[in-house]
mmCIF file of all heavy atoms, coordinates in Angstrom:
data_MODEL
# 
_entry.id   MODEL 
# 
loop_
_atom_site.group_PDB 
_atom_site.id 
_atom_site.type_symbol 
_atom_site.label_atom_id 
_atom_site.label_alt_id 
_atom_site.label_comp_id 
_atom_site.label_asym_id 
_atom_site.label_entity_id 
_atom_site.label_seq_id 
_atom_site.pdbx_PDB_ins_code 
_atom_site.Cartn_x 
_atom_site.Cartn_y 
_atom_site.Cartn_z 
_atom_site.occupancy 
_atom_site.B_iso_or_equiv 
_atom_site.pdbx_formal_charge 
_atom_site.auth_seq_id 
_atom_site.auth_comp_id 
_atom_site.auth_asym_id 
_atom_site.auth_atom_id 
_atom_site.pdbx_PDB_model_num 
ATOM 1   N N   . LEU A 1 1  ? 0.826  -1.203 0.000   1.00 0.00 ? 1  LEU A N   1 
ATOM 2   C CA  . LEU A 1 1  ? 0.000  0.000  0.000   1.00 0.00 ? 1  LEU A CA  1 
ATOM 3   C C   . LEU A 1 1  ? 0.865  1.259  0.000   1.00 0.00 ? 1  LEU A C   1 
ATOM 4   O O   . LEU A 1 1  ? 0.582  2.219  -0.727  1.00 0.00 ? 1  LEU A O   1 
ATOM 5   C CB  . LEU A 1 1  ? -0.939 -0.003 1.207   1.00 0.00 ? 1  LEU A CB  1 
ATOM 6   C CG  . LEU A 1 1  ? -1.927 1.140  1.295   1.00 0.00 ? 1  LEU A CG  1 
ATOM 7   C CD1 . LEU A 1 1  ? -2.829 1.185  0.074   1.00 0.00 ? 1  LEU A CD1 1 
ATOM 8   C CD2 . LEU A 1 1  ? -2.759 1.012  2.560   1.00 0.00 ? 1  LEU A CD2 1 
ATOM 9   N N   . GLN A 1 2  ? 1.918  1.244  0.770   1.00 0.00 ? 2  GLN A N   1 
ATOM 10  C CA  . GLN A 1 2  ? 2.827  2.400  0.807   1.00 0.00 ? 2  GLN A CA  1 
ATOM 11  C C   . GLN A 1 2  ? 3.474  2.607  -0.557  1.00 0.00 ? 2  GLN A C   1 
ATOM 12  O O   . GLN A 1 2  ? 3.572  3.732  -1.038  1.00 0.00 ? 2  GLN A O   1 
ATOM 13  C CB  . GLN A 1 2  ? 3.902  2.194  1.888   1.00 0.00 ? 2  GLN A CB  1 
ATOM 14  C CG  . GLN A 1 2  ? 4.821  3.382  2.069   1.00 0.00 ? 2  GLN A CG  1 
ATOM 15  C CD  . GLN A 1 2  ? 4.089  4.618  2.539   1.00 0.00 ? 2  GLN A CD  1 
ATOM 16  O OE1 . GLN A 1 2  ? 3.272  4.548  3.436   1.00 0.00 ? 2  GLN A OE1 1 
ATOM 17  N NE2 . GLN A 1 2  ? 4.371  5.751  1.933   1.00 0.00 ? 2  GLN A NE2 1 
ATOM 18  N N   . ASN A 1 3  ? 3.896  1.516  -1.195  1.00 0.00 ? 3  ASN A N   1 
ATOM 19  C CA  . ASN A 1 3  ? 4.487  1.621  -2.532  1.00 0.00 ? 3  ASN A CA  1 
ATOM 20  C C   . ASN A 1 3  ? 3.474  2.161  -3.536  1.00 0.00 ? 3  ASN A C   1 
ATOM 21  O O   . ASN A 1 3  ? 3.804  3.006  -4.376  1.00 0.00 ? 3  ASN A O   1 
ATOM 22  C CB  . ASN A 1 3  ? 5.026  0.268  -2.995  1.00 0.00 ? 3  ASN A CB  1 
ATOM 23  C CG  . ASN A 1 3  ? 6.253  -0.171 -2.229  1.00 0.00 ? 3  ASN A CG  1 
ATOM 24  O OD1 . ASN A 1 3  ? 6.968  0.655  -1.670  1.00 0.00 ? 3  ASN A OD1 1 
ATOM 25  N ND2 . ASN A 1 3  ? 6.495  -1.461 -2.171  1.00 0.00 ? 3  ASN A ND2 1 
ATOM 26  N N   . SER A 1 4  ? 2.246  1.686  -3.455  1.00 0.00 ? 4  SER A N   1 
ATOM 27  C CA  . SER A 1 4  ? 1.197  2.169  -4.353  1.00 0.00 ? 4  SER A CA  1 
ATOM 28  C C   . SER A 1 4  ? 0.935  3.656  -4.126  1.00 0.00 ? 4  SER A C   1 
ATOM 29  O O   . SER A 1 4  ? 0.767  4.424  -5.089  1.00 0.00 ? 4  SER A O   1 
ATOM 30  C CB  . SER A 1 4  ? -0.099 1.391  -4.132  1.00 0.00 ? 4  SER A CB  1 
ATOM 31  O OG  . SER A 1 4  ? 0.052  0.058  -4.525  1.00 0.00 ? 4  SER A OG  1 
ATOM 32  N N   . ASN A 1 5  ? 0.903  4.072  -2.879  1.00 0.00 ? 5  ASN A N   1 
ATOM 33  C CA  . ASN A 1 5  ? 0.695  5.492  -2.563  1.00 0.00 ? 5  ASN A CA  1 
ATOM 34  C C   . ASN A 1 5  ? 1.838  6.347  -3.113  1.00 0.00 ? 5  ASN A C   1 
ATOM 35  O O   . ASN A 1 5  ? 1.599  7.440  -3.642  1.00 0.00 ? 5  ASN A O   1 
ATOM 36  C CB  . ASN A 1 5  ? 0.558  5.702  -1.061  1.00 0.00 ? 5  ASN A CB  1 
ATOM 37  C CG  . ASN A 1 5  ? -0.791 5.278  -0.537  1.00 0.00 ? 5  ASN A CG  1 
ATOM 38  O OD1 . ASN A 1 5  ? -1.739 5.125  -1.294  1.00 0.00 ? 5  ASN A OD1 1 
ATOM 39  N ND2 . ASN A 1 5  ? -0.869 5.068  0.759   1.00 0.00 ? 5  ASN A ND2 1 
ATOM 40  N N   . ASN A 1 6  ? 3.063  5.860  -3.001  1.00 0.00 ? 6  ASN A N   1 
ATOM 41  C CA  . ASN A 1 6  ? 4.205  6.604  -3.538  1.00 0.00 ? 6  ASN A CA  1 
ATOM 42  C C   . ASN A 1 6  ? 4.109  6.737  -5.055  1.00 0.00 ? 6  ASN A C   1 
ATOM 43  O O   . ASN A 1 6  ? 4.373  7.811  -5.606  1.00 0.00 ? 6  ASN A O   1 
ATOM 44  C CB  . ASN A 1 6  ? 5.522  5.935  -3.145  1.00 0.00 ? 6  ASN A CB  1 
ATOM 45  C CG  . ASN A 1 6  ? 5.829  6.090  -1.672  1.00 0.00 ? 6  ASN A CG  1 
ATOM 46  O OD1 . ASN A 1 6  ? 5.340  7.005  -1.013  1.00 0.00 ? 6  ASN A OD1 1 
ATOM 47  N ND2 . ASN A 1 6  ? 6.642  5.197  -1.130  1.00 0.00 ? 6  ASN A ND2 1 
ATOM 48  N N   . LEU A 1 7  ? 3.730  5.655  -5.732  1.00 0.00 ? 7  LEU A N   1 
ATOM 49  C CA  . LEU A 1 7  ? 3.565  5.714  -7.182  1.00 0.00 ? 7  LEU A CA  1 
ATOM 50  C C   . LEU A 1 7  ? 2.445  6.672  -7.573  1.00 0.00 ? 7  LEU A C   1 
ATOM 51  O O   . LEU A 1 7  ? 2.574  7.428  -8.540  1.00 0.00 ? 7  LEU A O   1 
ATOM 52  C CB  . LEU A 1 7  ? 3.282  4.319  -7.745  1.00 0.00 ? 7  LEU A CB  1 
ATOM 53  C CG  . LEU A 1 7  ? 4.445  3.337  -7.709  1.00 0.00 ? 7  LEU A CG  1 
ATOM 54  C CD1 . LEU A 1 7  ? 3.987  1.936  -8.130  1.00 0.00 ? 7  LEU A CD1 1 
ATOM 55  C CD2 . LEU A 1 7  ? 5.568  3.810  -8.633  1.00 0.00 ? 7  LEU A CD2 1 
ATOM 56  N N   . LEU A 1 8  ? 1.369  6.657  -6.813  1.00 0.00 ? 8  LEU A N   1 
ATOM 57  C CA  . LEU A 1 8  ? 0.253  7.556  -7.083  1.00 0.00 ? 8  LEU A CA  1 
ATOM 58  C C   . LEU A 1 8  ? 0.669  9.014  -6.896  1.00 0.00 ? 8  LEU A C   1 
ATOM 59  O O   . LEU A 1 8  ? 0.299  9.886  -7.697  1.00 0.00 ? 8  LEU A O   1 
ATOM 60  C CB  . LEU A 1 8  ? -0.928 7.218  -6.176  1.00 0.00 ? 8  LEU A CB  1 
ATOM 61  C CG  . LEU A 1 8  ? -2.205 7.993  -6.416  1.00 0.00 ? 8  LEU A CG  1 
ATOM 62  C CD1 . LEU A 1 8  ? -2.702 7.807  -7.838  1.00 0.00 ? 8  LEU A CD1 1 
ATOM 63  C CD2 . LEU A 1 8  ? -3.269 7.567  -5.426  1.00 0.00 ? 8  LEU A CD2 1 
ATOM 64  N N   . LYS A 1 9  ? 1.457  9.289  -5.880  1.00 0.00 ? 9  LYS A N   1 
ATOM 65  C CA  . LYS A 1 9  ? 1.950  10.650 -5.665  1.00 0.00 ? 9  LYS A CA  1 
ATOM 66  C C   . LYS A 1 9  ? 2.812  11.106 -6.839  1.00 0.00 ? 9  LYS A C   1 
ATOM 67  O O   . LYS A 1 9  ? 2.703  12.243 -7.297  1.00 0.00 ? 9  LYS A O   1 
ATOM 68  C CB  . LYS A 1 9  ? 2.763  10.727 -4.368  1.00 0.00 ? 9  LYS A CB  1 
ATOM 69  C CG  . LYS A 1 9  ? 1.929  10.748 -3.127  1.00 0.00 ? 9  LYS A CG  1 
ATOM 70  C CD  . LYS A 1 9  ? 2.815  10.818 -1.888  1.00 0.00 ? 9  LYS A CD  1 
ATOM 71  C CE  . LYS A 1 9  ? 2.002  10.722 -0.627  1.00 0.00 ? 9  LYS A CE  1 
ATOM 72  N NZ  . LYS A 1 9  ? 2.846  10.746 0.581   1.00 0.00 ? 9  LYS A NZ  1 
ATOM 73  N N   . GLN A 1 10 ? 3.682  10.207 -7.324  1.00 0.00 ? 10 GLN A N   1 
ATOM 74  C CA  . GLN A 1 10 ? 4.528  10.548 -8.467  1.00 0.00 ? 10 GLN A CA  1 
ATOM 75  C C   . GLN A 1 10 ? 3.680  10.818 -9.711  1.00 0.00 ? 10 GLN A C   1 
ATOM 76  O O   . GLN A 1 10 ? 3.947  11.760 -10.466 1.00 0.00 ? 10 GLN A O   1 
ATOM 77  C CB  . GLN A 1 10 ? 5.520  9.420  -8.746  1.00 0.00 ? 10 GLN A CB  1 
ATOM 78  C CG  . GLN A 1 10 ? 6.598  9.274  -7.695  1.00 0.00 ? 10 GLN A CG  1 
ATOM 79  C CD  . GLN A 1 10 ? 7.478  8.054  -7.949  1.00 0.00 ? 10 GLN A CD  1 
ATOM 80  O OE1 . GLN A 1 10 ? 7.267  7.295  -8.877  1.00 0.00 ? 10 GLN A OE1 1 
ATOM 81  N NE2 . GLN A 1 10 ? 8.474  7.874  -7.090  1.00 0.00 ? 10 GLN A NE2 1 
ATOM 82  N N   . LEU A 1 11 ? 2.672  9.991  -9.919  1.00 0.00 ? 11 LEU A N   1 
ATOM 83  C CA  . LEU A 1 11 ? 1.806  10.157 -11.080 1.00 0.00 ? 11 LEU A CA  1 
ATOM 84  C C   . LEU A 1 11 ? 1.049  11.480 -11.019 1.00 0.00 ? 11 LEU A C   1 
ATOM 85  O O   . LEU A 1 11 ? 0.989  12.218 -12.007 1.00 0.00 ? 11 LEU A O   1 
ATOM 86  C CB  . LEU A 1 11 ? 0.818  8.996  -11.168 1.00 0.00 ? 11 LEU A CB  1 
ATOM 87  C CG  . LEU A 1 11 ? -0.229 9.098  -12.269 1.00 0.00 ? 11 LEU A CG  1 
ATOM 88  C CD1 . LEU A 1 11 ? 0.432  8.989  -13.635 1.00 0.00 ? 11 LEU A CD1 1 
ATOM 89  C CD2 . LEU A 1 11 ? -1.275 8.018  -12.101 1.00 0.00 ? 11 LEU A CD2 1 
ATOM 90  N N   . THR A 1 12 ? 0.477  11.798 -9.870  1.00 0.00 ? 12 THR A N   1 
ATOM 91  C CA  . THR A 1 12 ? -0.285 13.044 -9.756  1.00 0.00 ? 12 THR A CA  1 
ATOM 92  C C   . THR A 1 12 ? 0.629  14.263 -9.893  1.00 0.00 ? 12 THR A C   1 
ATOM 93  O O   . THR A 1 12 ? 0.236  15.260 -10.497 1.00 0.00 ? 12 THR A O   1 
ATOM 94  C CB  . THR A 1 12 ? -1.064 13.121 -8.428  1.00 0.00 ? 12 THR A CB  1 
ATOM 95  O OG1 . THR A 1 12 ? -0.161 12.933 -7.336  1.00 0.00 ? 12 THR A OG1 1 
ATOM 96  C CG2 . THR A 1 12 ? -2.147 12.075 -8.378  1.00 0.00 ? 12 THR A CG2 1 
ATOM 97  N N   . TYR A 1 13 ? 1.848  14.168 -9.375  1.00 0.00 ? 13 TYR A N   1 
ATOM 98  C CA  . TYR A 1 13 ? 2.796  15.276 -9.535  1.00 0.00 ? 13 TYR A CA  1 
ATOM 99  C C   . TYR A 1 13 ? 3.120  15.473 -11.009 1.00 0.00 ? 13 TYR A C   1 
ATOM 100 O O   . TYR A 1 13 ? 3.111  16.597 -11.510 1.00 0.00 ? 13 TYR A O   1 
ATOM 101 C CB  . TYR A 1 13 ? 4.076  15.017 -8.735  1.00 0.00 ? 13 TYR A CB  1 
ATOM 102 C CG  . TYR A 1 13 ? 5.120  16.069 -8.971  1.00 0.00 ? 13 TYR A CG  1 
ATOM 103 C CD1 . TYR A 1 13 ? 5.066  17.292 -8.299  1.00 0.00 ? 13 TYR A CD1 1 
ATOM 104 C CD2 . TYR A 1 13 ? 6.147  15.874 -9.890  1.00 0.00 ? 13 TYR A CD2 1 
ATOM 105 C CE1 . TYR A 1 13 ? 6.008  18.272 -8.525  1.00 0.00 ? 13 TYR A CE1 1 
ATOM 106 C CE2 . TYR A 1 13 ? 7.098  16.856 -10.134 1.00 0.00 ? 13 TYR A CE2 1 
ATOM 107 C CZ  . TYR A 1 13 ? 7.019  18.051 -9.445  1.00 0.00 ? 13 TYR A CZ  1 
ATOM 108 O OH  . TYR A 1 13 ? 7.947  19.023 -9.679  1.00 0.00 ? 13 TYR A OH  1 
ATOM 109 N N   . SER A 1 14 ? 3.397  14.362 -11.712 1.00 0.00 ? 14 SER A N   1 
ATOM 110 C CA  . SER A 1 14 ? 3.730  14.453 -13.136 1.00 0.00 ? 14 SER A CA  1 
ATOM 111 C C   . SER A 1 14 ? 2.562  15.002 -13.944 1.00 0.00 ? 14 SER A C   1 
ATOM 112 O O   . SER A 1 14 ? 2.738  15.868 -14.807 1.00 0.00 ? 14 SER A O   1 
ATOM 113 C CB  . SER A 1 14 ? 4.122  13.078 -13.691 1.00 0.00 ? 14 SER A CB  1 
ATOM 114 O OG  . SER A 1 14 ? 5.308  12.631 -13.095 1.00 0.00 ? 14 SER A OG  1 
ATOM 115 N N   . ALA A 1 15 ? 1.378  14.508 -13.676 1.00 0.00 ? 15 ALA A N   1 
ATOM 116 C CA  . ALA A 1 15 ? 0.200  14.974 -14.413 1.00 0.00 ? 15 ALA A CA  1 
ATOM 117 C C   . ALA A 1 15 ? -0.025 16.462 -14.158 1.00 0.00 ? 15 ALA A C   1 
ATOM 118 O O   . ALA A 1 15 ? -0.295 17.228 -15.095 1.00 0.00 ? 15 ALA A O   1 
ATOM 119 C CB  . ALA A 1 15 ? -1.025 14.163 -14.009 1.00 0.00 ? 15 ALA A CB  1 
ATOM 120 N N   . SER A 1 16 ? 0.089  16.876 -12.923 1.00 0.00 ? 16 SER A N   1 
ATOM 121 C CA  . SER A 1 16 ? -0.091 18.277 -12.574 1.00 0.00 ? 16 SER A CA  1 
ATOM 122 C C   . SER A 1 16 ? 0.948  19.140 -13.284 1.00 0.00 ? 16 SER A C   1 
ATOM 123 O O   . SER A 1 16 ? 0.628  20.174 -13.866 1.00 0.00 ? 16 SER A O   1 
ATOM 124 C CB  . SER A 1 16 ? 0.018  18.452 -11.068 1.00 0.00 ? 16 SER A CB  1 
ATOM 125 O OG  . SER A 1 16 ? 0.054  19.807 -10.720 1.00 0.00 ? 16 SER A OG  1 
ATOM 126 N N   . HIS A 1 17 ? 2.179  18.702 -13.252 1.00 0.00 ? 17 HIS A N   1 
ATOM 127 C CA  . HIS A 1 17 ? 3.263  19.441 -13.883 1.00 0.00 ? 17 HIS A CA  1 
ATOM 128 C C   . HIS A 1 17 ? 3.055  19.512 -15.395 1.00 0.00 ? 17 HIS A C   1 
ATOM 129 O O   . HIS A 1 17 ? 3.227  20.568 -16.012 1.00 0.00 ? 17 HIS A O   1 
ATOM 130 C CB  . HIS A 1 17 ? 4.603  18.786 -13.563 1.00 0.00 ? 17 HIS A CB  1 
ATOM 131 C CG  . HIS A 1 17 ? 5.763  19.523 -14.127 1.00 0.00 ? 17 HIS A CG  1 
ATOM 132 N ND1 . HIS A 1 17 ? 6.293  19.239 -15.367 1.00 0.00 ? 17 HIS A ND1 1 
ATOM 133 C CD2 . HIS A 1 17 ? 6.495  20.541 -13.634 1.00 0.00 ? 17 HIS A CD2 1 
ATOM 134 C CE1 . HIS A 1 17 ? 7.298  20.060 -15.609 1.00 0.00 ? 17 HIS A CE1 1 
ATOM 135 N NE2 . HIS A 1 17 ? 7.443  20.860 -14.570 1.00 0.00 ? 17 HIS A NE2 1 
ATOM 136 N N   . ASP A 1 18 ? 2.664  18.402 -16.004 1.00 0.00 ? 18 ASP A N   1 
ATOM 137 C CA  . ASP A 1 18 ? 2.465  18.361 -17.452 1.00 0.00 ? 18 ASP A CA  1 
ATOM 138 C C   . ASP A 1 18 ? 1.298  19.234 -17.903 1.00 0.00 ? 18 ASP A C   1 
ATOM 139 O O   . ASP A 1 18 ? 1.295  19.738 -19.023 1.00 0.00 ? 18 ASP A O   1 
ATOM 140 C CB  . ASP A 1 18 ? 2.243  16.925 -17.931 1.00 0.00 ? 18 ASP A CB  1 
ATOM 141 C CG  . ASP A 1 18 ? 3.501  16.072 -17.825 1.00 0.00 ? 18 ASP A CG  1 
ATOM 142 O OD1 . ASP A 1 18 ? 4.591  16.644 -17.592 1.00 0.00 ? 18 ASP A OD1 1 
ATOM 143 O OD2 . ASP A 1 18 ? 3.396  14.842 -17.976 1.00 0.00 ? 18 ASP A OD2 1 
ATOM 144 N N   . LEU A 1 19 ? 0.305  19.417 -17.060 1.00 0.00 ? 19 LEU A N   1 
ATOM 145 C CA  . LEU A 1 19 ? -0.854 20.232 -17.432 1.00 0.00 ? 19 LEU A CA  1 
ATOM 146 C C   . LEU A 1 19 ? -0.611 21.731 -17.234 1.00 0.00 ? 19 LEU A C   1 
ATOM 147 O O   . LEU A 1 19 ? -1.296 22.551 -17.832 1.00 0.00 ? 19 LEU A O   1 
ATOM 148 C CB  . LEU A 1 19 ? -2.076 19.806 -16.629 1.00 0.00 ? 19 LEU A CB  1 
ATOM 149 C CG  . LEU A 1 19 ? -2.654 18.450 -16.999 1.00 0.00 ? 19 LEU A CG  1 
ATOM 150 C CD1 . LEU A 1 19 ? -3.757 18.078 -16.029 1.00 0.00 ? 19 LEU A CD1 1 
ATOM 151 C CD2 . LEU A 1 19 ? -3.173 18.449 -18.421 1.00 0.00 ? 19 LEU A CD2 1 
ATOM 152 N N   . LYS A 1 20 ? 0.355  22.076 -16.420 1.00 0.00 ? 20 LYS A N   1 
ATOM 153 C CA  . LYS A 1 20 ? 0.578  23.493 -16.137 1.00 0.00 ? 20 LYS A CA  1 
ATOM 154 C C   . LYS A 1 20 ? 1.047  24.260 -17.374 1.00 0.00 ? 20 LYS A C   1 
ATOM 155 O O   . LYS A 1 20 ? 0.617  25.385 -17.593 1.00 0.00 ? 20 LYS A O   1 
ATOM 156 C CB  . LYS A 1 20 ? 1.600  23.662 -15.008 1.00 0.00 ? 20 LYS A CB  1 
ATOM 157 C CG  . LYS A 1 20 ? 1.027  23.377 -13.651 1.00 0.00 ? 20 LYS A CG  1 
ATOM 158 C CD  . LYS A 1 20 ? 2.061  23.570 -12.569 1.00 0.00 ? 20 LYS A CD  1 
ATOM 159 C CE  . LYS A 1 20 ? 1.471  23.209 -11.224 1.00 0.00 ? 20 LYS A CE  1 
ATOM 160 N NZ  . LYS A 1 20 ? 2.459  23.295 -10.160 1.00 0.00 ? 20 LYS A NZ  1 
ATOM 161 N N   . GLU A 1 21 ? 1.913  23.674 -18.178 1.00 0.00 ? 21 GLU A N   1 
ATOM 162 C CA  . GLU A 1 21 ? 2.448  24.388 -19.338 1.00 0.00 ? 21 GLU A CA  1 
ATOM 163 C C   . GLU A 1 21 ? 1.370  24.719 -20.373 1.00 0.00 ? 21 GLU A C   1 
ATOM 164 O O   . GLU A 1 21 ? 1.283  25.866 -20.807 1.00 0.00 ? 21 GLU A O   1 
ATOM 165 C CB  . GLU A 1 21 ? 3.586  23.593 -19.980 1.00 0.00 ? 21 GLU A CB  1 
ATOM 166 C CG  . GLU A 1 21 ? 4.321  24.359 -21.061 1.00 0.00 ? 21 GLU A CG  1 
ATOM 167 C CD  . GLU A 1 21 ? 4.963  25.636 -20.564 1.00 0.00 ? 21 GLU A CD  1 
ATOM 168 O OE1 . GLU A 1 21 ? 5.343  25.723 -19.381 1.00 0.00 ? 21 GLU A OE1 1 
ATOM 169 O OE2 . GLU A 1 21 ? 5.087  26.571 -21.381 1.00 0.00 ? 21 GLU A OE2 1 
ATOM 170 N N   . PRO A 1 22 ? 0.515  23.758 -20.772 1.00 0.00 ? 22 PRO A N   1 
ATOM 171 C CA  . PRO A 1 22 ? -0.551 24.138 -21.711 1.00 0.00 ? 22 PRO A CA  1 
ATOM 172 C C   . PRO A 1 22 ? -1.490 25.196 -21.135 1.00 0.00 ? 22 PRO A C   1 
ATOM 173 O O   . PRO A 1 22 ? -1.907 26.107 -21.855 1.00 0.00 ? 22 PRO A O   1 
ATOM 174 C CB  . PRO A 1 22 ? -1.303 22.818 -21.960 1.00 0.00 ? 22 PRO A CB  1 
ATOM 175 C CG  . PRO A 1 22 ? -0.345 21.754 -21.622 1.00 0.00 ? 22 PRO A CG  1 
ATOM 176 C CD  . PRO A 1 22 ? 0.538  22.317 -20.561 1.00 0.00 ? 22 PRO A CD  1 
ATOM 177 N N   . LEU A 1 23 ? -1.802 25.098 -19.855 1.00 0.00 ? 23 LEU A N   1 
ATOM 178 C CA  . LEU A 1 23 ? -2.673 26.100 -19.237 1.00 0.00 ? 23 LEU A CA  1 
ATOM 179 C C   . LEU A 1 23 ? -2.002 27.470 -19.222 1.00 0.00 ? 23 LEU A C   1 
ATOM 180 O O   . LEU A 1 23 ? -2.647 28.501 -19.432 1.00 0.00 ? 23 LEU A O   1 
ATOM 181 C CB  . LEU A 1 23 ? -3.065 25.682 -17.824 1.00 0.00 ? 23 LEU A CB  1 
ATOM 182 C CG  . LEU A 1 23 ? -4.023 24.497 -17.741 1.00 0.00 ? 23 LEU A CG  1 
ATOM 183 C CD1 . LEU A 1 23 ? -4.227 24.085 -16.290 1.00 0.00 ? 23 LEU A CD1 1 
ATOM 184 C CD2 . LEU A 1 23 ? -5.352 24.816 -18.398 1.00 0.00 ? 23 LEU A CD2 1 
ATOM 185 N N   . ARG A 1 24 ? -0.713 27.474 -18.996 1.00 0.00 ? 24 ARG A N   1 
ATOM 186 C CA  . ARG A 1 24 ? 0.036  28.728 -19.010 1.00 0.00 ? 24 ARG A CA  1 
ATOM 187 C C   . ARG A 1 24 ? -0.015 29.340 -20.413 1.00 0.00 ? 24 ARG A C   1 
ATOM 188 O O   . ARG A 1 24 ? -0.216 30.550 -20.579 1.00 0.00 ? 24 ARG A O   1 
ATOM 189 C CB  . ARG A 1 24 ? 1.483  28.469 -18.587 1.00 0.00 ? 24 ARG A CB  1 
ATOM 190 C CG  . ARG A 1 24 ? 2.257  29.709 -18.219 1.00 0.00 ? 24 ARG A CG  1 
ATOM 191 C CD  . ARG A 1 24 ? 3.642  29.389 -17.654 1.00 0.00 ? 24 ARG A CD  1 
ATOM 192 N NE  . ARG A 1 24 ? 3.536  28.588 -16.453 1.00 0.00 ? 24 ARG A NE  1 
ATOM 193 C CZ  . ARG A 1 24 ? 4.171  27.425 -16.255 1.00 0.00 ? 24 ARG A CZ  1 
ATOM 194 N NH1 . ARG A 1 24 ? 4.974  26.945 -17.172 1.00 0.00 ? 24 ARG A NH1 1 
ATOM 195 N NH2 . ARG A 1 24 ? 4.031  26.765 -15.128 1.00 0.00 ? 24 ARG A NH2 1 
ATOM 196 N N   . ASN A 1 25 ? 0.143  28.492 -21.442 1.00 0.00 ? 25 ASN A N   1 
ATOM 197 C CA  . ASN A 1 25 ? 0.081  28.985 -22.819 1.00 0.00 ? 25 ASN A CA  1 
ATOM 198 C C   . ASN A 1 25 ? -1.309 29.529 -23.157 1.00 0.00 ? 25 ASN A C   1 
ATOM 199 O O   . ASN A 1 25 ? -1.428 30.557 -23.820 1.00 0.00 ? 25 ASN A O   1 
ATOM 200 C CB  . ASN A 1 25 ? 0.464  27.877 -23.807 1.00 0.00 ? 25 ASN A CB  1 
ATOM 201 C CG  . ASN A 1 25 ? 1.948  27.579 -23.764 1.00 0.00 ? 25 ASN A CG  1 
ATOM 202 O OD1 . ASN A 1 25 ? 2.739  28.418 -23.376 1.00 0.00 ? 25 ASN A OD1 1 
ATOM 203 N ND2 . ASN A 1 25 ? 2.321  26.381 -24.162 1.00 0.00 ? 25 ASN A ND2 1 
ATOM 204 N N   . ILE A 1 26 ? -2.332 28.843 -22.732 1.00 0.00 ? 26 ILE A N   1 
ATOM 205 C CA  . ILE A 1 26 ? -3.702 29.308 -22.974 1.00 0.00 ? 26 ILE A CA  1 
ATOM 206 C C   . ILE A 1 26 ? -3.926 30.656 -22.305 1.00 0.00 ? 26 ILE A C   1 
ATOM 207 O O   . ILE A 1 26 ? -4.508 31.571 -22.885 1.00 0.00 ? 26 ILE A O   1 
ATOM 208 C CB  . ILE A 1 26 ? -4.729 28.267 -22.482 1.00 0.00 ? 26 ILE A CB  1 
ATOM 209 C CG1 . ILE A 1 26 ? -4.679 27.032 -23.383 1.00 0.00 ? 26 ILE A CG1 1 
ATOM 210 C CG2 . ILE A 1 26 ? -6.126 28.852 -22.440 1.00 0.00 ? 26 ILE A CG2 1 
ATOM 211 C CD1 . ILE A 1 26 ? -5.456 25.846 -22.844 1.00 0.00 ? 26 ILE A CD1 1 
# 
């Protein structure tokens, strides 16, 4: 469960980071 939570945190960080640039451009 701890490993899954860590992977989920990494995924949400990456998704958030990846979405910021297009939103900034818009």
